[in-house]
Amino acid sequence: MSGKFSEEAKRIMDERFGCDTVIALATTEGKQPWVRMVNAYYEEGSFYVITDTRSNKMRQMEENPLIAVCGEWFTAHGTGEKLGHIREERNKEIA
């Protein structure tokens, strides 16, 4: 999820979410919304979540990548993207 933030907003997001944190992730299946709490990490305008590729949330994001997230004091909308297995070379730094 990328967006345009002021420098102050970037600093606050990095401070509050730049480490292991819990947020709500909303996806849809058909016209039915689904929301669940997930363990996430925030960096440079994106939240990263590690989950099983066979999970409902991944299946739902593949069908409709539009998602929403919510933390203690914010909400945001964006596009979910499957980055592949955590052990892939390109994901080492994120992991």
PDB file of N, CA and C in Angstrom:
ATOM      1  N   MET A   1       0.838  -1.160   0.000  1.00  0.00           N
ATOM      2  CA  MET A   1       0.000   0.000   0.000  1.00  0.00           C
ATOM      3  C   MET A   1       0.887   1.227   0.000  1.00  0.00           C
ATOM      4  N   SER A   2       0.862   1.937  -1.055  1.00  0.00           N
ATOM      5  CA  SER A   2       1.661   3.143  -1.139  1.00  0.00           C
ATOM      6  C   SER A   2       0.750   4.345  -1.143  1.00  0.00           C
ATOM      7  N   GLY A   3       1.258   5.445  -0.679  1.00  0.00           N
ATOM      8  CA  GLY A   3       0.512   6.691  -0.696  1.00  0.00           C
ATOM      9  C   GLY A   3       1.460   7.842  -0.510  1.00  0.00           C
ATOM     10  N   LYS A   4       0.934   9.056  -0.664  1.00  0.00           N
ATOM     11  CA  LYS A   4       1.744  10.246  -0.469  1.00  0.00           C
ATOM     12  C   LYS A   4       1.567  10.696   0.973  1.00  0.00           C
ATOM     13  N   PHE A   5       2.666  10.727   1.705  1.00  0.00           N
ATOM     14  CA  PHE A   5       2.652  11.123   3.099  1.00  0.00           C
ATOM     15  C   PHE A   5       3.559  12.319   3.294  1.00  0.00           C
ATOM     16  N   SER A   6       3.226  13.145   4.272  1.00  0.00           N
ATOM     17  CA  SER A   6       4.145  14.201   4.676  1.00  0.00           C
ATOM     18  C   SER A   6       5.319  13.549   5.395  1.00  0.00           C
ATOM     19  N   GLU A   7       6.384  14.274   5.563  1.00  0.00           N
ATOM     20  CA  GLU A   7       7.547  13.741   6.286  1.00  0.00           C
ATOM     21  C   GLU A   7       7.164  13.352   7.712  1.00  0.00           C
ATOM     22  N   GLU A   8       6.300  14.135   8.340  1.00  0.00           N
ATOM     23  CA  GLU A   8       5.847  13.832   9.704  1.00  0.00           C
ATOM     24  C   GLU A   8       5.054  12.524   9.727  1.00  0.00           C
ATOM     25  N   ALA A   9       4.162  12.347   8.753  1.00  0.00           N
ATOM     26  CA  ALA A   9       3.374  11.115   8.687  1.00  0.00           C
ATOM     27  C   ALA A   9       4.285   9.916   8.446  1.00  0.00           C
ATOM     28  N   LYS A  10       5.290  10.066   7.583  1.00  0.00           N
ATOM     29  CA  LYS A  10       6.238   8.971   7.333  1.00  0.00           C
ATOM     30  C   LYS A  10       6.960   8.586   8.616  1.00  0.00           C
ATOM     31  N   ARG A  11       7.398   9.579   9.366  1.00  0.00           N
ATOM     32  CA  ARG A  11       8.106   9.325  10.619  1.00  0.00           C
ATOM     33  C   ARG A  11       7.210   8.571  11.606  1.00  0.00           C
ATOM     34  N   ILE A  12       5.963   9.005  11.722  1.00  0.00           N
ATOM     35  CA  ILE A  12       5.029   8.361  12.652  1.00  0.00           C
ATOM     36  C   ILE A  12       4.752   6.927  12.230  1.00  0.00           C
ATOM     37  N   MET A  13       4.510   6.701  10.941  1.00  0.00           N
ATOM     38  CA  MET A  13       4.257   5.339  10.460  1.00  0.00           C
ATOM     39  C   MET A  13       5.459   4.435  10.725  1.00  0.00           C
ATOM     40  N   ASP A  14       6.665   4.934  10.453  1.00  0.00           N
ATOM     41  CA  ASP A  14       7.874   4.143  10.714  1.00  0.00           C
ATOM     42  C   ASP A  14       8.011   3.816  12.191  1.00  0.00           C
ATOM     43  N   GLU A  15       7.748   4.790  13.061  1.00  0.00           N
ATOM     44  CA  GLU A  15       7.867   4.571  14.509  1.00  0.00           C
ATOM     45  C   GLU A  15       6.859   3.550  15.008  1.00  0.00           C
ATOM     46  N   ARG A  16       5.613   3.678  14.574  1.00  0.00           N
ATOM     47  CA  ARG A  16       4.549   2.831  15.113  1.00  0.00           C
ATOM     48  C   ARG A  16       4.472   1.459  14.463  1.00  0.00           C
ATOM     49  N   PHE A  17       4.828   1.356  13.180  1.00  0.00           N
ATOM     50  CA  PHE A  17       4.615   0.105  12.462  1.00  0.00           C
ATOM     51  C   PHE A  17       5.872  -0.463  11.828  1.00  0.00           C
ATOM     52  N   GLY A  18       7.026   0.149  12.044  1.00  0.00           N
ATOM     53  CA  GLY A  18       8.267  -0.299  11.429  1.00  0.00           C
ATOM     54  C   GLY A  18       8.864  -1.522  12.090  1.00  0.00           C
ATOM     55  N   CYS A  19       8.088  -2.215  12.855  1.00  0.00           N
ATOM     56  CA  CYS A  19       8.517  -3.458  13.486  1.00  0.00           C
ATOM     57  C   CYS A  19       7.309  -4.376  13.524  1.00  0.00           C
ATOM     58  N   ASP A  20       7.441  -5.501  14.136  1.00  0.00           N
ATOM     59  CA  ASP A  20       6.365  -6.471  14.249  1.00  0.00           C
ATOM     60  C   ASP A  20       5.144  -5.820  14.901  1.00  0.00           C
ATOM     61  N   THR A  21       3.999  -5.817  14.212  1.00  0.00           N
ATOM     62  CA  THR A  21       2.790  -5.192  14.740  1.00  0.00           C
ATOM     63  C   THR A  21       1.565  -5.965  14.271  1.00  0.00           C
ATOM     64  N   VAL A  22       0.426  -5.704  14.873  1.00  0.00           N
ATOM     65  CA  VAL A  22      -0.815  -6.362  14.480  1.00  0.00           C
ATOM     66  C   VAL A  22      -1.753  -5.317  13.885  1.00  0.00           C
ATOM     67  N   ILE A  23      -2.301  -5.629  12.696  1.00  0.00           N
ATOM     68  CA  ILE A  23      -3.280  -4.766  12.037  1.00  0.00           C
ATOM     69  C   ILE A  23      -4.442  -5.629  11.562  1.00  0.00           C
ATOM     70  N   ALA A  24      -5.544  -4.986  11.234  1.00  0.00           N
ATOM     71  CA  ALA A  24      -6.675  -5.688  10.619  1.00  0.00           C
ATOM     72  C   ALA A  24      -6.507  -5.615   9.107  1.00  0.00           C
ATOM     73  N   LEU A  25      -6.722  -6.726   8.433  1.00  0.00           N
ATOM     74  CA  LEU A  25      -6.646  -6.817   6.972  1.00  0.00           C
ATOM     75  C   LEU A  25      -8.014  -7.242   6.453  1.00  0.00           C
ATOM     76  N   ALA A  26      -8.583  -6.461   5.534  1.00  0.00           N
ATOM     77  CA  ALA A  26      -9.882  -6.774   4.954  1.00  0.00           C
ATOM     78  C   ALA A  26      -9.725  -7.146   3.486  1.00  0.00           C
ATOM     79  N   THR A  27     -10.371  -8.229   3.107  1.00  0.00           N
ATOM     80  CA  THR A  27     -10.422  -8.690   1.719  1.00  0.00           C
ATOM     81  C   THR A  27     -11.890  -8.951   1.398  1.00  0.00           C
ATOM     82  N   THR A  28     -12.165  -9.318   0.155  1.00  0.00           N
ATOM     83  CA  THR A  28     -13.531  -9.672  -0.210  1.00  0.00           C
ATOM     84  C   THR A  28     -13.540 -10.988  -0.970  1.00  0.00           C
ATOM     85  N   GLU A  29     -14.686 -11.637  -0.902  1.00  0.00           N
ATOM     86  CA  GLU A  29     -14.942 -12.828  -1.704  1.00  0.00           C
ATOM     87  C   GLU A  29     -16.349 -12.655  -2.254  1.00  0.00           C
ATOM     88  N   GLY A  30     -16.440 -12.459  -3.562  1.00  0.00           N
ATOM     89  CA  GLY A  30     -17.723 -12.081  -4.141  1.00  0.00           C
ATOM     90  C   GLY A  30     -18.091 -10.717  -3.592  1.00  0.00           C
ATOM     91  N   LYS A  31     -19.251 -10.611  -2.993  1.00  0.00           N
ATOM     92  CA  LYS A  31     -19.668  -9.343  -2.374  1.00  0.00           C
ATOM     93  C   LYS A  31     -19.536  -9.387  -0.854  1.00  0.00           C
ATOM     94  N   GLN A  32     -18.923 -10.444  -0.350  1.00  0.00           N
ATOM     95  CA  GLN A  32     -18.788 -10.635   1.097  1.00  0.00           C
ATOM     96  C   GLN A  32     -17.440 -10.118   1.593  1.00  0.00           C
ATOM     97  N   PRO A  33     -17.426  -9.140   2.528  1.00  0.00           N
ATOM     98  CA  PRO A  33     -16.148  -8.712   3.096  1.00  0.00           C
ATOM     99  C   PRO A  33     -15.679  -9.683   4.176  1.00  0.00           C
ATOM    100  N   TRP A  34     -14.364  -9.793   4.307  1.00  0.00           N
ATOM    101  CA  TRP A  34     -13.730 -10.614   5.338  1.00  0.00           C
ATOM    102  C   TRP A  34     -12.655  -9.760   5.998  1.00  0.00           C
ATOM    103  N   VAL A  35     -12.565  -9.834   7.313  1.00  0.00           N
ATOM    104  CA  VAL A  35     -11.524  -9.092   8.026  1.00  0.00           C
ATOM    105  C   VAL A  35     -10.917 -10.002   9.078  1.00  0.00           C
ATOM    106  N   ARG A  36      -9.604  -9.846   9.250  1.00  0.00           N
ATOM    107  CA  ARG A  36      -8.910 -10.630  10.269  1.00  0.00           C
ATOM    108  C   ARG A  36      -7.692  -9.844  10.745  1.00  0.00           C
ATOM    109  N   MET A  37      -7.238 -10.173  11.941  1.00  0.00           N
ATOM    110  CA  MET A  37      -6.041  -9.555  12.492  1.00  0.00           C
ATOM    111  C   MET A  37      -4.838 -10.328  11.964  1.00  0.00           C
ATOM    112  N   VAL A  38      -3.809  -9.590  11.516  1.00  0.00           N
ATOM    113  CA  VAL A  38      -2.605 -10.223  10.979  1.00  0.00           C
ATOM    114  C   VAL A  38      -1.368  -9.565  11.570  1.00  0.00           C
ATOM    115  N   ASN A  39      -0.326 -10.337  11.640  1.00  0.00           N
ATOM    116  CA  ASN A  39       0.970  -9.837  12.057  1.00  0.00           C
ATOM    117  C   ASN A  39       1.593  -9.172  10.838  1.00  0.00           C
ATOM    118  N   ALA A  40       2.040  -7.921  10.968  1.00  0.00           N
ATOM    119  CA  ALA A  40       2.530  -7.174   9.814  1.00  0.00           C
ATOM    120  C   ALA A  40       3.780  -6.372  10.170  1.00  0.00           C
ATOM    121  N   TYR A  41       4.447  -5.934   9.122  1.00  0.00           N
ATOM    122  CA  TYR A  41       5.637  -5.096   9.222  1.00  0.00           C
ATOM    123  C   TYR A  41       5.478  -3.993   8.192  1.00  0.00           C
ATOM    124  N   TYR A  42       5.763  -2.755   8.559  1.00  0.00           N
ATOM    125  CA  TYR A  42       5.607  -1.604   7.669  1.00  0.00           C
ATOM    126  C   TYR A  42       6.967  -1.083   7.233  1.00  0.00           C
ATOM    127  N   GLU A  43       7.105  -0.801   5.940  1.00  0.00           N
ATOM    128  CA  GLU A  43       8.338  -0.203   5.431  1.00  0.00           C
ATOM    129  C   GLU A  43       8.040   0.554   4.139  1.00  0.00           C
ATOM    130  N   GLU A  44       8.451   1.803   4.086  1.00  0.00           N
ATOM    131  CA  GLU A  44       8.366   2.645   2.890  1.00  0.00           C
ATOM    132  C   GLU A  44       7.003   2.605   2.213  1.00  0.00           C
ATOM    133  N   GLY A  45       5.950   2.794   2.990  1.00  0.00           N
ATOM    134  CA  GLY A  45       4.611   2.900   2.431  1.00  0.00           C
ATOM    135  C   GLY A  45       3.883   1.592   2.196  1.00  0.00           C
ATOM    136  N   SER A  46       4.466   0.464   2.605  1.00  0.00           N
ATOM    137  CA  SER A  46       3.822  -0.833   2.400  1.00  0.00           C
ATOM    138  C   SER A  46       3.806  -1.641   3.692  1.00  0.00           C
ATOM    139  N   PHE A  47       2.741  -2.414   3.875  1.00  0.00           N
ATOM    140  CA  PHE A  47       2.676  -3.387   4.953  1.00  0.00           C
ATOM    141  C   PHE A  47       2.989  -4.755   4.371  1.00  0.00           C
ATOM    142  N   TYR A  48       3.785  -5.541   5.088  1.00  0.00           N
ATOM    143  CA  TYR A  48       4.148  -6.893   4.677  1.00  0.00           C
ATOM    144  C   TYR A  48       3.565  -7.877   5.681  1.00  0.00           C
ATOM    145  N   VAL A  49       2.931  -8.939   5.159  1.00  0.00           N
ATOM    146  CA  VAL A  49       2.323  -9.973   5.985  1.00  0.00           C
ATOM    147  C   VAL A  49       2.842 -11.322   5.495  1.00  0.00           C
ATOM    148  N   ILE A  50       3.278 -12.158   6.406  1.00  0.00           N
ATOM    149  CA  ILE A  50       3.696 -13.512   6.051  1.00  0.00           C
ATOM    150  C   ILE A  50       2.536 -14.442   6.367  1.00  0.00           C
ATOM    151  N   THR A  51       2.121 -15.203   5.365  1.00  0.00           N
ATOM    152  CA  THR A  51       0.989 -16.110   5.544  1.00  0.00           C
ATOM    153  C   THR A  51       1.121 -17.287   4.590  1.00  0.00           C
ATOM    154  N   ASP A  52       0.355 -18.311   4.846  1.00  0.00           N
ATOM    155  CA  ASP A  52       0.341 -19.489   3.985  1.00  0.00           C
ATOM    156  C   ASP A  52      -0.281 -19.128   2.636  1.00  0.00           C
ATOM    157  N   THR A  53       0.362 -19.512   1.567  1.00  0.00           N
ATOM    158  CA  THR A  53      -0.127 -19.206   0.224  1.00  0.00           C
ATOM    159  C   THR A  53      -1.501 -19.811  -0.038  1.00  0.00           C
ATOM    160  N   ARG A  54      -1.875 -20.826   0.732  1.00  0.00           N
ATOM    161  CA  ARG A  54      -3.179 -21.481   0.559  1.00  0.00           C
ATOM    162  C   ARG A  54      -4.270 -20.878   1.434  1.00  0.00           C
ATOM    163  N   SER A  55      -3.956 -19.824   2.185  1.00  0.00           N
ATOM    164  CA  SER A  55      -4.930 -19.225   3.103  1.00  0.00           C
ATOM    165  C   SER A  55      -6.066 -18.542   2.341  1.00  0.00           C
ATOM    166  N   ASN A  56      -7.179 -18.375   3.031  1.00  0.00           N
ATOM    167  CA  ASN A  56      -8.317 -17.678   2.424  1.00  0.00           C
ATOM    168  C   ASN A  56      -7.943 -16.268   2.000  1.00  0.00           C
ATOM    169  N   LYS A  57      -7.171 -15.562   2.823  1.00  0.00           N
ATOM    170  CA  LYS A  57      -6.823 -14.186   2.468  1.00  0.00           C
ATOM    171  C   LYS A  57      -6.015 -14.118   1.178  1.00  0.00           C
ATOM    172  N   MET A  58      -5.123 -15.065   0.953  1.00  0.00           N
ATOM    173  CA  MET A  58      -4.348 -15.066  -0.290  1.00  0.00           C
ATOM    174  C   MET A  58      -5.242 -15.413  -1.478  1.00  0.00           C
ATOM    175  N   ARG A  59      -6.098 -16.385  -1.304  1.00  0.00           N
ATOM    176  CA  ARG A  59      -7.027 -16.763  -2.377  1.00  0.00           C
ATOM    177  C   ARG A  59      -7.929 -15.575  -2.724  1.00  0.00           C
ATOM    178  N   GLN A  60      -8.423 -14.893  -1.694  1.00  0.00           N
ATOM    179  CA  GLN A  60      -9.296 -13.740  -1.914  1.00  0.00           C
ATOM    180  C   GLN A  60      -8.550 -12.592  -2.593  1.00  0.00           C
ATOM    181  N   MET A  61      -7.299 -12.341  -2.201  1.00  0.00           N
ATOM    182  CA  MET A  61      -6.511 -11.273  -2.839  1.00  0.00           C
ATOM    183  C   MET A  61      -6.201 -11.594  -4.294  1.00  0.00           C
ATOM    184  N   GLU A  62      -6.007 -12.856  -4.603  1.00  0.00           N
ATOM    185  CA  GLU A  62      -5.758 -13.225  -5.997  1.00  0.00           C
ATOM    186  C   GLU A  62      -6.995 -12.979  -6.850  1.00  0.00           C
ATOM    187  N   GLU A  63      -8.185 -13.200  -6.283  1.00  0.00           N
ATOM    188  CA  GLU A  63      -9.434 -12.943  -7.004  1.00  0.00           C
ATOM    189  C   GLU A  63      -9.722 -11.447  -7.110  1.00  0.00           C
ATOM    190  N   ASN A  64      -9.442 -10.702  -6.040  1.00  0.00           N
ATOM    191  CA  ASN A  64      -9.691  -9.265  -5.994  1.00  0.00           C
ATOM    192  C   ASN A  64      -8.606  -8.622  -5.131  1.00  0.00           C
ATOM    193  N   PRO A  65      -7.603  -8.005  -5.732  1.00  0.00           N
ATOM    194  CA  PRO A  65      -6.474  -7.474  -4.966  1.00  0.00           C
ATOM    195  C   PRO A  65      -6.773  -6.200  -4.168  1.00  0.00           C
ATOM    196  N   LEU A  66      -7.975  -5.633  -4.286  1.00  0.00           N
ATOM    197  CA  LEU A  66      -8.295  -4.441  -3.503  1.00  0.00           C
ATOM    198  C   LEU A  66      -8.515  -4.837  -2.052  1.00  0.00           C
ATOM    199  N   ILE A  67      -7.754  -4.208  -1.154  1.00  0.00           N
ATOM    200  CA  ILE A  67      -7.803  -4.546   0.268  1.00  0.00           C
ATOM    201  C   ILE A  67      -7.903  -3.281   1.095  1.00  0.00           C
ATOM    202  N   ALA A  68      -8.129  -3.464   2.392  1.00  0.00           N
ATOM    203  CA  ALA A  68      -8.083  -2.369   3.352  1.00  0.00           C
ATOM    204  C   ALA A  68      -7.343  -2.870   4.582  1.00  0.00           C
ATOM    205  N   VAL A  69      -6.665  -1.959   5.255  1.00  0.00           N
ATOM    206  CA  VAL A  69      -6.015  -2.280   6.525  1.00  0.00           C
ATOM    207  C   VAL A  69      -6.446  -1.243   7.551  1.00  0.00           C
ATOM    208  N   CYS A  70      -6.359  -1.642   8.803  1.00  0.00           N
ATOM    209  CA  CYS A  70      -6.749  -0.753   9.891  1.00  0.00           C
ATOM    210  C   CYS A  70      -5.845  -1.030  11.081  1.00  0.00           C
ATOM    211  N   GLY A  71      -5.352   0.037  11.671  1.00  0.00           N
ATOM    212  CA  GLY A  71      -4.571  -0.059  12.892  1.00  0.00           C
ATOM    213  C   GLY A  71      -5.300   0.675  13.998  1.00  0.00           C
ATOM    214  N   GLU A  72      -4.618   0.881  15.081  1.00  0.00           N
ATOM    215  CA  GLU A  72      -5.237   1.520  16.238  1.00  0.00           C
ATOM    216  C   GLU A  72      -5.792   2.908  15.920  1.00  0.00           C
ATOM    217  N   TRP A  73      -5.143   3.645  15.027  1.00  0.00           N
ATOM    218  CA  TRP A  73      -5.560   5.028  14.776  1.00  0.00           C
ATOM    219  C   TRP A  73      -5.589   5.408  13.299  1.00  0.00           C
ATOM    220  N   PHE A  74      -5.665   4.450  12.410  1.00  0.00           N
ATOM    221  CA  PHE A  74      -5.697   4.772  10.987  1.00  0.00           C
ATOM    222  C   PHE A  74      -6.415   3.691  10.198  1.00  0.00           C
ATOM    223  N   THR A  75      -6.863   4.046   9.002  1.00  0.00           N
ATOM    224  CA  THR A  75      -7.347   3.087   8.020  1.00  0.00           C
ATOM    225  C   THR A  75      -6.722   3.448   6.682  1.00  0.00           C
ATOM    226  N   ALA A  76      -6.570   2.467   5.820  1.00  0.00           N
ATOM    227  CA  ALA A  76      -6.004   2.711   4.495  1.00  0.00           C
ATOM    228  C   ALA A  76      -6.551   1.674   3.522  1.00  0.00           C
ATOM    229  N   HIS A  77      -6.600   2.044   2.269  1.00  0.00           N
ATOM    230  CA  HIS A  77      -7.015   1.148   1.190  1.00  0.00           C
ATOM    231  C   HIS A  77      -5.873   1.018   0.210  1.00  0.00           C
ATOM    232  N   GLY A  78      -5.785  -0.115  -0.451  1.00  0.00           N
ATOM    233  CA  GLY A  78      -4.716  -0.298  -1.417  1.00  0.00           C
ATOM    234  C   GLY A  78      -4.872  -1.589  -2.183  1.00  0.00           C
ATOM    235  N   THR A  79      -3.770  -2.058  -2.715  1.00  0.00           N
ATOM    236  CA  THR A  79      -3.741  -3.267  -3.515  1.00  0.00           C
ATOM    237  C   THR A  79      -2.814  -4.282  -2.868  1.00  0.00           C
ATOM    238  N   GLY A  80      -3.324  -5.489  -2.672  1.00  0.00           N
ATOM    239  CA  GLY A  80      -2.515  -6.571  -2.124  1.00  0.00           C
ATOM    240  C   GLY A  80      -1.758  -7.260  -3.245  1.00  0.00           C
ATOM    241  N   GLU A  81      -0.553  -7.687  -2.933  1.00  0.00           N
ATOM    242  CA  GLU A  81       0.289  -8.335  -3.934  1.00  0.00           C
ATOM    243  C   GLU A  81       0.993  -9.537  -3.312  1.00  0.00           C
ATOM    244  N   LYS A  82       0.954 -10.649  -3.993  1.00  0.00           N
ATOM    245  CA  LYS A  82       1.645 -11.854  -3.544  1.00  0.00           C
ATOM    246  C   LYS A  82       3.104 -11.742  -3.972  1.00  0.00           C
ATOM    247  N   LEU A  83       4.022 -11.785  -3.012  1.00  0.00           N
ATOM    248  CA  LEU A  83       5.449 -11.636  -3.305  1.00  0.00           C
ATOM    249  C   LEU A  83       6.177 -12.964  -3.428  1.00  0.00           C
ATOM    250  N   GLY A  84       5.492 -14.057  -3.147  1.00  0.00           N
ATOM    251  CA  GLY A  84       6.134 -15.361  -3.249  1.00  0.00           C
ATOM    252  C   GLY A  84       6.569 -15.895  -1.897  1.00  0.00           C
ATOM    253  N   HIS A  85       7.233 -17.015  -1.917  1.00  0.00           N
ATOM    254  CA  HIS A  85       7.669 -17.693  -0.697  1.00  0.00           C
ATOM    255  C   HIS A  85       8.702 -16.860   0.048  1.00  0.00           C
ATOM    256  N   ILE A  86       8.615 -16.880   1.356  1.00  0.00           N
ATOM    257  CA  ILE A  86       9.521 -16.091   2.194  1.00  0.00           C
ATOM    258  C   ILE A  86      10.987 -16.474   2.000  1.00  0.00           C
ATOM    259  N   ARG A  87      11.240 -17.701   1.598  1.00  0.00           N
ATOM    260  CA  ARG A  87      12.625 -18.149   1.432  1.00  0.00           C
ATOM    261  C   ARG A  87      13.201 -17.838   0.055  1.00  0.00           C
ATOM    262  N   GLU A  88      12.394 -17.244  -0.826  1.00  0.00           N
ATOM    263  CA  GLU A  88      12.927 -16.849  -2.125  1.00  0.00           C
ATOM    264  C   GLU A  88      13.990 -15.780  -1.920  1.00  0.00           C
ATOM    265  N   GLU A  89      14.985 -15.791  -2.740  1.00  0.00           N
ATOM    266  CA  GLU A  89      16.123 -14.858  -2.621  1.00  0.00           C
ATOM    267  C   GLU A  89      15.646 -13.400  -2.539  1.00  0.00           C
ATOM    268  N   ARG A  90      14.692 -13.035  -3.378  1.00  0.00           N
ATOM    269  CA  ARG A  90      14.229 -11.646  -3.422  1.00  0.00           C
ATOM    270  C   ARG A  90      13.521 -11.216  -2.146  1.00  0.00           C
ATOM    271  N   ASN A  91      13.101 -12.159  -1.304  1.00  0.00           N
ATOM    272  CA  ASN A  91      12.378 -11.830  -0.069  1.00  0.00           C
ATOM    273  C   ASN A  91      13.252 -11.891   1.179  1.00  0.00           C
ATOM    274  N   LYS A  92      14.529 -12.225   1.034  1.00  0.00           N
ATOM    275  CA  LYS A  92      15.413 -12.365   2.188  1.00  0.00           C
ATOM    276  C   LYS A  92      15.470 -11.093   3.040  1.00  0.00           C
ATOM    277  N   GLU A  93      15.620  -9.962   2.393  1.00  0.00           N
ATOM    278  CA  GLU A  93      15.757  -8.715   3.134  1.00  0.00           C
ATOM    279  C   GLU A  93      14.476  -8.381   3.901  1.00  0.00           C
ATOM    280  N   ILE A  94      13.320  -8.600   3.291  1.00  0.00           N
ATOM    281  CA  ILE A  94      12.048  -8.333   3.957  1.00  0.00           C
ATOM    282  C   ILE A  94      11.877  -9.270   5.148  1.00  0.00           C
ATOM    283  N   ALA A  95      12.211 -10.549   4.955  1.00  0.00           N
ATOM    284  CA  ALA A  95      12.053 -11.536   6.018  1.00  0.00           C
ATOM    285  C   ALA A  95      12.944 -11.193   7.201  1.00  0.00           C
TER     286      ALA A  95
END
